[in-house]
Amino acid sequence: MAKVEVYTKFLCPFCTRAKALLTKKGAAFEEHDITLGGAGRSEMIARSGGRQTVPQIFIDGVHVGGSDDLAALDRAGQLDPMLAA
């Protein structure tokens, strides 16, 4: 199974939606809560090419994007193969 990382903030509905989709797919994920900013937020921005919104999702180190991007991958049939890698 692929390594999945999700940068989130407390009470973020987009984060909740992304995590729900990953859970539905049976994917374990590592959550990085950046509610209070700090080094985790700086790391997320650097890894995501400057994106500052949450969630930011990475699968096996590849930046997937946010919640809408994750859902689009699923609709296109591309998410399952990424998670199975």
PDB file of N, CA and C in Angstrom:
ATOM      1  N   MET A   1       0.855  -1.181   0.000  1.00  0.00           N
ATOM      2  CA  MET A   1       0.000   0.000   0.000  1.00  0.00           C
ATOM      3  C   MET A   1       0.894   1.236   0.000  1.00  0.00           C
ATOM      4  N   ALA A   2       0.449   2.255  -0.671  1.00  0.00           N
ATOM      5  CA  ALA A   2       1.202   3.496  -0.805  1.00  0.00           C
ATOM      6  C   ALA A   2       1.245   4.266   0.512  1.00  0.00           C
ATOM      7  N   LYS A   3       2.282   5.073   0.665  1.00  0.00           N
ATOM      8  CA  LYS A   3       2.371   5.970   1.823  1.00  0.00           C
ATOM      9  C   LYS A   3       1.583   7.236   1.492  1.00  0.00           C
ATOM     10  N   VAL A   4       0.581   7.539   2.321  1.00  0.00           N
ATOM     11  CA  VAL A   4      -0.274   8.697   2.089  1.00  0.00           C
ATOM     12  C   VAL A   4      -0.088   9.670   3.253  1.00  0.00           C
ATOM     13  N   GLU A   5       0.143  10.943   2.904  1.00  0.00           N
ATOM     14  CA  GLU A   5       0.293  11.991   3.899  1.00  0.00           C
ATOM     15  C   GLU A   5      -0.719  13.089   3.604  1.00  0.00           C
ATOM     16  N   VAL A   6      -1.373  13.575   4.656  1.00  0.00           N
ATOM     17  CA  VAL A   6      -2.391  14.611   4.505  1.00  0.00           C
ATOM     18  C   VAL A   6      -2.105  15.727   5.510  1.00  0.00           C
ATOM     19  N   TYR A   7      -1.900  16.926   5.012  1.00  0.00           N
ATOM     20  CA  TYR A   7      -1.746  18.105   5.863  1.00  0.00           C
ATOM     21  C   TYR A   7      -3.128  18.695   6.081  1.00  0.00           C
ATOM     22  N   THR A   8      -3.505  18.885   7.346  1.00  0.00           N
ATOM     23  CA  THR A   8      -4.856  19.312   7.685  1.00  0.00           C
ATOM     24  C   THR A   8      -4.845  20.439   8.719  1.00  0.00           C
ATOM     25  N   LYS A   9      -6.031  21.013   8.914  1.00  0.00           N
ATOM     26  CA  LYS A   9      -6.275  21.961   9.999  1.00  0.00           C
ATOM     27  C   LYS A   9      -7.562  21.546  10.701  1.00  0.00           C
ATOM     28  N   PHE A  10      -7.667  21.912  11.966  1.00  0.00           N
ATOM     29  CA  PHE A  10      -8.835  21.605  12.786  1.00  0.00           C
ATOM     30  C   PHE A  10     -10.091  22.242  12.184  1.00  0.00           C
ATOM     31  N   LEU A  11     -11.174  21.487  12.144  1.00  0.00           N
ATOM     32  CA  LEU A  11     -12.492  21.925  11.654  1.00  0.00           C
ATOM     33  C   LEU A  11     -12.516  22.309  10.172  1.00  0.00           C
ATOM     34  N   CYS A  12     -11.612  21.772   9.393  1.00  0.00           N
ATOM     35  CA  CYS A  12     -11.577  22.042   7.951  1.00  0.00           C
ATOM     36  C   CYS A  12     -12.485  21.035   7.241  1.00  0.00           C
ATOM     37  N   PRO A  13     -13.584  21.502   6.610  1.00  0.00           N
ATOM     38  CA  PRO A  13     -14.500  20.556   5.954  1.00  0.00           C
ATOM     39  C   PRO A  13     -13.871  19.853   4.745  1.00  0.00           C
ATOM     40  N   PHE A  14     -12.964  20.524   4.059  1.00  0.00           N
ATOM     41  CA  PHE A  14     -12.294  19.895   2.916  1.00  0.00           C
ATOM     42  C   PHE A  14     -11.354  18.790   3.395  1.00  0.00           C
ATOM     43  N   CYS A  15     -10.721  19.011   4.536  1.00  0.00           N
ATOM     44  CA  CYS A  15      -9.861  17.991   5.129  1.00  0.00           C
ATOM     45  C   CYS A  15     -10.683  16.777   5.523  1.00  0.00           C
ATOM     46  N   THR A  16     -11.816  17.021   6.137  1.00  0.00           N
ATOM     47  CA  THR A  16     -12.714  15.945   6.546  1.00  0.00           C
ATOM     48  C   THR A  16     -13.156  15.131   5.342  1.00  0.00           C
ATOM     49  N   ARG A  17     -13.485  15.811   4.257  1.00  0.00           N
ATOM     50  CA  ARG A  17     -13.932  15.121   3.046  1.00  0.00           C
ATOM     51  C   ARG A  17     -12.804  14.268   2.447  1.00  0.00           C
ATOM     52  N   ALA A  18     -11.610  14.803   2.392  1.00  0.00           N
ATOM     53  CA  ALA A  18     -10.474  14.057   1.836  1.00  0.00           C
ATOM     54  C   ALA A  18     -10.167  12.831   2.693  1.00  0.00           C
ATOM     55  N   LYS A  19     -10.156  13.012   4.009  1.00  0.00           N
ATOM     56  CA  LYS A  19      -9.874  11.890   4.896  1.00  0.00           C
ATOM     57  C   LYS A  19     -10.962  10.828   4.798  1.00  0.00           C
ATOM     58  N   ALA A  20     -12.212  11.244   4.628  1.00  0.00           N
ATOM     59  CA  ALA A  20     -13.312  10.288   4.488  1.00  0.00           C
ATOM     60  C   ALA A  20     -13.147   9.454   3.216  1.00  0.00           C
ATOM     61  N   LEU A  21     -12.751  10.089   2.129  1.00  0.00           N
ATOM     62  CA  LEU A  21     -12.548   9.355   0.874  1.00  0.00           C
ATOM     63  C   LEU A  21     -11.401   8.353   1.028  1.00  0.00           C
ATOM     64  N   LEU A  22     -10.307   8.783   1.630  1.00  0.00           N
ATOM     65  CA  LEU A  22      -9.177   7.870   1.831  1.00  0.00           C
ATOM     66  C   LEU A  22      -9.576   6.708   2.732  1.00  0.00           C
ATOM     67  N   THR A  23     -10.338   6.991   3.771  1.00  0.00           N
ATOM     68  CA  THR A  23     -10.795   5.944   4.677  1.00  0.00           C
ATOM     69  C   THR A  23     -11.716   4.973   3.939  1.00  0.00           C
ATOM     70  N   LYS A  24     -12.618   5.501   3.116  1.00  0.00           N
ATOM     71  CA  LYS A  24     -13.521   4.665   2.322  1.00  0.00           C
ATOM     72  C   LYS A  24     -12.737   3.727   1.405  1.00  0.00           C
ATOM     73  N   LYS A  25     -11.601   4.216   0.912  1.00  0.00           N
ATOM     74  CA  LYS A  25     -10.747   3.422   0.023  1.00  0.00           C
ATOM     75  C   LYS A  25      -9.881   2.435   0.798  1.00  0.00           C
ATOM     76  N   GLY A  26      -9.922   2.509   2.130  1.00  0.00           N
ATOM     77  CA  GLY A  26      -9.122   1.604   2.948  1.00  0.00           C
ATOM     78  C   GLY A  26      -7.664   2.012   3.040  1.00  0.00           C
ATOM     79  N   ALA A  27      -7.370   3.257   2.719  1.00  0.00           N
ATOM     80  CA  ALA A  27      -5.997   3.741   2.726  1.00  0.00           C
ATOM     81  C   ALA A  27      -5.629   4.292   4.099  1.00  0.00           C
ATOM     82  N   ALA A  28      -4.564   3.772   4.653  1.00  0.00           N
ATOM     83  CA  ALA A  28      -4.023   4.349   5.881  1.00  0.00           C
ATOM     84  C   ALA A  28      -3.289   5.621   5.486  1.00  0.00           C
ATOM     85  N   PHE A  29      -3.373   6.635   6.340  1.00  0.00           N
ATOM     86  CA  PHE A  29      -2.679   7.876   6.021  1.00  0.00           C
ATOM     87  C   PHE A  29      -2.099   8.500   7.277  1.00  0.00           C
ATOM     88  N   GLU A  30      -1.027   9.238   7.072  1.00  0.00           N
ATOM     89  CA  GLU A  30      -0.385   9.981   8.145  1.00  0.00           C
ATOM     90  C   GLU A  30      -0.904  11.410   8.072  1.00  0.00           C
ATOM     91  N   GLU A  31      -1.463  11.881   9.169  1.00  0.00           N
ATOM     92  CA  GLU A  31      -2.035  13.224   9.195  1.00  0.00           C
ATOM     93  C   GLU A  31      -1.081  14.184   9.888  1.00  0.00           C
ATOM     94  N   HIS A  32      -0.831  15.312   9.239  1.00  0.00           N
ATOM     95  CA  HIS A  32      -0.004  16.375   9.800  1.00  0.00           C
ATOM     96  C   HIS A  32      -0.931  17.559  10.087  1.00  0.00           C
ATOM     97  N   ASP A  33      -1.241  17.782  11.344  1.00  0.00           N
ATOM     98  CA  ASP A  33      -2.124  18.883  11.731  1.00  0.00           C
ATOM     99  C   ASP A  33      -1.302  20.163  11.815  1.00  0.00           C
ATOM    100  N   ILE A  34      -1.616  21.112  10.949  1.00  0.00           N
ATOM    101  CA  ILE A  34      -0.863  22.375  10.912  1.00  0.00           C
ATOM    102  C   ILE A  34      -1.730  23.546  11.386  1.00  0.00           C
ATOM    103  N   THR A  35      -2.715  23.254  12.236  1.00  0.00           N
ATOM    104  CA  THR A  35      -3.619  24.291  12.725  1.00  0.00           C
ATOM    105  C   THR A  35      -2.859  25.473  13.323  1.00  0.00           C
ATOM    106  N   LEU A  36      -1.817  25.182  14.056  1.00  0.00           N
ATOM    107  CA  LEU A  36      -1.063  26.244  14.714  1.00  0.00           C
ATOM    108  C   LEU A  36       0.145  26.715  13.898  1.00  0.00           C
ATOM    109  N   GLY A  37       0.239  26.267  12.655  1.00  0.00           N
ATOM    110  CA  GLY A  37       1.325  26.708  11.780  1.00  0.00           C
ATOM    111  C   GLY A  37       2.625  26.009  12.120  1.00  0.00           C
ATOM    112  N   GLY A  38       3.671  26.787  12.227  1.00  0.00           N
ATOM    113  CA  GLY A  38       4.977  26.242  12.586  1.00  0.00           C
ATOM    114  C   GLY A  38       5.675  25.551  11.444  1.00  0.00           C
ATOM    115  N   ALA A  39       6.608  24.676  11.829  1.00  0.00           N
ATOM    116  CA  ALA A  39       7.453  23.991  10.848  1.00  0.00           C
ATOM    117  C   ALA A  39       6.634  23.121   9.898  1.00  0.00           C
ATOM    118  N   GLY A  40       5.568  22.511  10.397  1.00  0.00           N
ATOM    119  CA  GLY A  40       4.732  21.664   9.536  1.00  0.00           C
ATOM    120  C   GLY A  40       4.101  22.439   8.398  1.00  0.00           C
ATOM    121  N   ARG A  41       3.664  23.644   8.682  1.00  0.00           N
ATOM    122  CA  ARG A  41       3.061  24.484   7.640  1.00  0.00           C
ATOM    123  C   ARG A  41       4.108  24.881   6.604  1.00  0.00           C
ATOM    124  N   SER A  42       5.282  25.259   7.076  1.00  0.00           N
ATOM    125  CA  SER A  42       6.367  25.623   6.156  1.00  0.00           C
ATOM    126  C   SER A  42       6.762  24.442   5.282  1.00  0.00           C
ATOM    127  N   GLU A  43       6.806  23.270   5.887  1.00  0.00           N
ATOM    128  CA  GLU A  43       7.127  22.049   5.142  1.00  0.00           C
ATOM    129  C   GLU A  43       6.083  21.788   4.063  1.00  0.00           C
ATOM    130  N   MET A  44       4.793  21.917   4.419  1.00  0.00           N
ATOM    131  CA  MET A  44       3.705  21.694   3.462  1.00  0.00           C
ATOM    132  C   MET A  44       3.817  22.648   2.281  1.00  0.00           C
ATOM    133  N   ILE A  45       4.052  23.915   2.566  1.00  0.00           N
ATOM    134  CA  ILE A  45       4.148  24.921   1.502  1.00  0.00           C
ATOM    135  C   ILE A  45       5.311  24.598   0.575  1.00  0.00           C
ATOM    136  N   ALA A  46       6.430  24.219   1.146  1.00  0.00           N
ATOM    137  CA  ALA A  46       7.600  23.874   0.328  1.00  0.00           C
ATOM    138  C   ALA A  46       7.340  22.642  -0.525  1.00  0.00           C
ATOM    139  N   ARG A  47       6.747  21.627   0.062  1.00  0.00           N
ATOM    140  CA  ARG A  47       6.499  20.379  -0.663  1.00  0.00           C
ATOM    141  C   ARG A  47       5.438  20.522  -1.743  1.00  0.00           C
ATOM    142  N   SER A  48       4.482  21.421  -1.524  1.00  0.00           N
ATOM    143  CA  SER A  48       3.349  21.541  -2.453  1.00  0.00           C
ATOM    144  C   SER A  48       3.565  22.604  -3.524  1.00  0.00           C
ATOM    145  N   GLY A  49       4.756  23.131  -3.615  1.00  0.00           N
ATOM    146  CA  GLY A  49       5.026  24.136  -4.644  1.00  0.00           C
ATOM    147  C   GLY A  49       4.408  25.490  -4.333  1.00  0.00           C
ATOM    148  N   GLY A  50       4.234  25.785  -3.044  1.00  0.00           N
ATOM    149  CA  GLY A  50       3.726  27.089  -2.646  1.00  0.00           C
ATOM    150  C   GLY A  50       2.266  27.136  -2.251  1.00  0.00           C
ATOM    151  N   ARG A  51       1.563  26.040  -2.376  1.00  0.00           N
ATOM    152  CA  ARG A  51       0.147  26.036  -1.968  1.00  0.00           C
ATOM    153  C   ARG A  51       0.031  26.210  -0.464  1.00  0.00           C
ATOM    154  N   GLN A  52      -0.923  27.047  -0.056  1.00  0.00           N
ATOM    155  CA  GLN A  52      -1.080  27.349   1.364  1.00  0.00           C
ATOM    156  C   GLN A  52      -2.397  26.862   1.945  1.00  0.00           C
ATOM    157  N   THR A  53      -3.278  26.332   1.107  1.00  0.00           N
ATOM    158  CA  THR A  53      -4.571  25.850   1.582  1.00  0.00           C
ATOM    159  C   THR A  53      -4.464  24.392   2.013  1.00  0.00           C
ATOM    160  N   VAL A  54      -5.398  23.983   2.851  1.00  0.00           N
ATOM    161  CA  VAL A  54      -5.456  22.581   3.275  1.00  0.00           C
ATOM    162  C   VAL A  54      -6.762  21.968   2.800  1.00  0.00           C
ATOM    163  N   PRO A  55      -6.777  20.680   2.596  1.00  0.00           N
ATOM    164  CA  PRO A  55      -5.655  19.774   2.797  1.00  0.00           C
ATOM    165  C   PRO A  55      -4.686  19.807   1.615  1.00  0.00           C
ATOM    166  N   GLN A  56      -3.488  19.365   1.862  1.00  0.00           N
ATOM    167  CA  GLN A  56      -2.536  19.067   0.809  1.00  0.00           C
ATOM    168  C   GLN A  56      -2.179  17.604   0.993  1.00  0.00           C
ATOM    169  N   ILE A  57      -2.302  16.848  -0.098  1.00  0.00           N
ATOM    170  CA  ILE A  57      -2.205  15.393  -0.032  1.00  0.00           C
ATOM    171  C   ILE A  57      -1.039  14.913  -0.881  1.00  0.00           C
ATOM    172  N   PHE A  58      -0.292  13.956  -0.320  1.00  0.00           N
ATOM    173  CA  PHE A  58       0.847  13.355  -1.004  1.00  0.00           C
ATOM    174  C   PHE A  58       0.690  11.847  -0.965  1.00  0.00           C
ATOM    175  N   ILE A  59       0.903  11.212  -2.117  1.00  0.00           N
ATOM    176  CA  ILE A  59       0.870   9.754  -2.203  1.00  0.00           C
ATOM    177  C   ILE A  59       2.227   9.305  -2.696  1.00  0.00           C
ATOM    178  N   ASP A  60       2.913   8.528  -1.856  1.00  0.00           N
ATOM    179  CA  ASP A  60       4.293   8.103  -2.136  1.00  0.00           C
ATOM    180  C   ASP A  60       5.178   9.289  -2.501  1.00  0.00           C
ATOM    181  N   GLY A  61       5.005  10.380  -1.779  1.00  0.00           N
ATOM    182  CA  GLY A  61       5.836  11.564  -1.976  1.00  0.00           C
ATOM    183  C   GLY A  61       5.433  12.450  -3.132  1.00  0.00           C
ATOM    184  N   VAL A  62       4.447  12.026  -3.917  1.00  0.00           N
ATOM    185  CA  VAL A  62       3.980  12.810  -5.063  1.00  0.00           C
ATOM    186  C   VAL A  62       2.826  13.699  -4.616  1.00  0.00           C
ATOM    187  N   HIS A  63       2.922  14.980  -4.909  1.00  0.00           N
ATOM    188  CA  HIS A  63       1.871  15.918  -4.528  1.00  0.00           C
ATOM    189  C   HIS A  63       0.646  15.687  -5.400  1.00  0.00           C
ATOM    190  N   VAL A  64      -0.471  15.351  -4.756  1.00  0.00           N
ATOM    191  CA  VAL A  64      -1.732  15.103  -5.453  1.00  0.00           C
ATOM    192  C   VAL A  64      -2.554  16.380  -5.538  1.00  0.00           C
ATOM    193  N   GLY A  65      -2.452  17.223  -4.508  1.00  0.00           N
ATOM    194  CA  GLY A  65      -3.228  18.454  -4.458  1.00  0.00           C
ATOM    195  C   GLY A  65      -4.151  18.437  -3.261  1.00  0.00           C
ATOM    196  N   GLY A  66      -5.301  19.062  -3.414  1.00  0.00           N
ATOM    197  CA  GLY A  66      -6.261  19.171  -2.325  1.00  0.00           C
ATOM    198  C   GLY A  66      -7.400  18.177  -2.435  1.00  0.00           C
ATOM    199  N   SER A  67      -8.450  18.445  -1.694  1.00  0.00           N
ATOM    200  CA  SER A  67      -9.609  17.561  -1.634  1.00  0.00           C
ATOM    201  C   SER A  67     -10.275  17.394  -3.001  1.00  0.00           C
ATOM    202  N   ASP A  68     -10.461  18.499  -3.716  1.00  0.00           N
ATOM    203  CA  ASP A  68     -11.090  18.421  -5.038  1.00  0.00           C
ATOM    204  C   ASP A  68     -10.226  17.630  -6.016  1.00  0.00           C
ATOM    205  N   ASP A  69      -8.912  17.801  -5.913  1.00  0.00           N
ATOM    206  CA  ASP A  69      -7.993  17.059  -6.789  1.00  0.00           C
ATOM    207  C   ASP A  69      -8.052  15.563  -6.496  1.00  0.00           C
ATOM    208  N   LEU A  70      -8.133  15.216  -5.210  1.00  0.00           N
ATOM    209  CA  LEU A  70      -8.227  13.818  -4.817  1.00  0.00           C
ATOM    210  C   LEU A  70      -9.523  13.197  -5.348  1.00  0.00           C
ATOM    211  N   ALA A  71     -10.633  13.925  -5.216  1.00  0.00           N
ATOM    212  CA  ALA A  71     -11.924  13.441  -5.716  1.00  0.00           C
ATOM    213  C   ALA A  71     -11.899  13.289  -7.236  1.00  0.00           C
ATOM    214  N   ALA A  72     -11.243  14.207  -7.928  1.00  0.00           N
ATOM    215  CA  ALA A  72     -11.144  14.125  -9.381  1.00  0.00           C
ATOM    216  C   ALA A  72     -10.346  12.891  -9.807  1.00  0.00           C
ATOM    217  N   LEU A  73      -9.275  12.588  -9.077  1.00  0.00           N
ATOM    218  CA  LEU A  73      -8.509  11.373  -9.367  1.00  0.00           C
ATOM    219  C   LEU A  73      -9.380  10.134  -9.197  1.00  0.00           C
ATOM    220  N   ASP A  74     -10.200  10.142  -8.153  1.00  0.00           N
ATOM    221  CA  ASP A  74     -11.084   9.008  -7.904  1.00  0.00           C
ATOM    222  C   ASP A  74     -12.100   8.859  -9.034  1.00  0.00           C
ATOM    223  N   ARG A  75     -12.725   9.968  -9.437  1.00  0.00           N
ATOM    224  CA  ARG A  75     -13.715   9.917 -10.532  1.00  0.00           C
ATOM    225  C   ARG A  75     -13.087   9.426 -11.837  1.00  0.00           C
ATOM    226  N   ALA A  76     -11.824   9.769 -12.048  1.00  0.00           N
ATOM    227  CA  ALA A  76     -11.128   9.375 -13.283  1.00  0.00           C
ATOM    228  C   ALA A  76     -10.589   7.947 -13.210  1.00  0.00           C
ATOM    229  N   GLY A  77     -10.775   7.282 -12.056  1.00  0.00           N
ATOM    230  CA  GLY A  77     -10.290   5.915 -11.918  1.00  0.00           C
ATOM    231  C   GLY A  77      -8.795   5.821 -11.677  1.00  0.00           C
ATOM    232  N   GLN A  78      -8.164   6.916 -11.292  1.00  0.00           N
ATOM    233  CA  GLN A  78      -6.707   6.929 -11.118  1.00  0.00           C
ATOM    234  C   GLN A  78      -6.272   6.804  -9.662  1.00  0.00           C
ATOM    235  N   LEU A  79      -7.189   6.997  -8.734  1.00  0.00           N
ATOM    236  CA  LEU A  79      -6.807   6.976  -7.320  1.00  0.00           C
ATOM    237  C   LEU A  79      -6.478   5.558  -6.831  1.00  0.00           C
ATOM    238  N   ASP A  80      -7.310   4.598  -7.155  1.00  0.00           N
ATOM    239  CA  ASP A  80      -7.083   3.227  -6.679  1.00  0.00           C
ATOM    240  C   ASP A  80      -5.707   2.697  -7.086  1.00  0.00           C
ATOM    241  N   PRO A  81      -5.284   2.852  -8.358  1.00  0.00           N
ATOM    242  CA  PRO A  81      -3.946   2.377  -8.724  1.00  0.00           C
ATOM    243  C   PRO A  81      -2.836   3.093  -7.957  1.00  0.00           C
ATOM    244  N   MET A  82      -3.019   4.373  -7.677  1.00  0.00           N
ATOM    245  CA  MET A  82      -2.003   5.121  -6.909  1.00  0.00           C
ATOM    246  C   MET A  82      -1.903   4.584  -5.487  1.00  0.00           C
ATOM    247  N   LEU A  83      -3.053   4.279  -4.890  1.00  0.00           N
ATOM    248  CA  LEU A  83      -3.064   3.790  -3.515  1.00  0.00           C
ATOM    249  C   LEU A  83      -2.533   2.371  -3.422  1.00  0.00           C
ATOM    250  N   ALA A  84      -2.674   1.595  -4.475  1.00  0.00           N
ATOM    251  CA  ALA A  84      -2.230   0.198  -4.465  1.00  0.00           C
ATOM    252  C   ALA A  84      -0.730   0.054  -4.699  1.00  0.00           C
ATOM    253  N   ALA A  85      -0.105   1.101  -5.181  1.00  0.00           N
ATOM    254  CA  ALA A  85       1.328   1.019  -5.524  1.00  0.00           C
ATOM    255  C   ALA A  85       2.190   0.732  -4.323  1.00  0.00           C
TER     256      ALA A  85
END
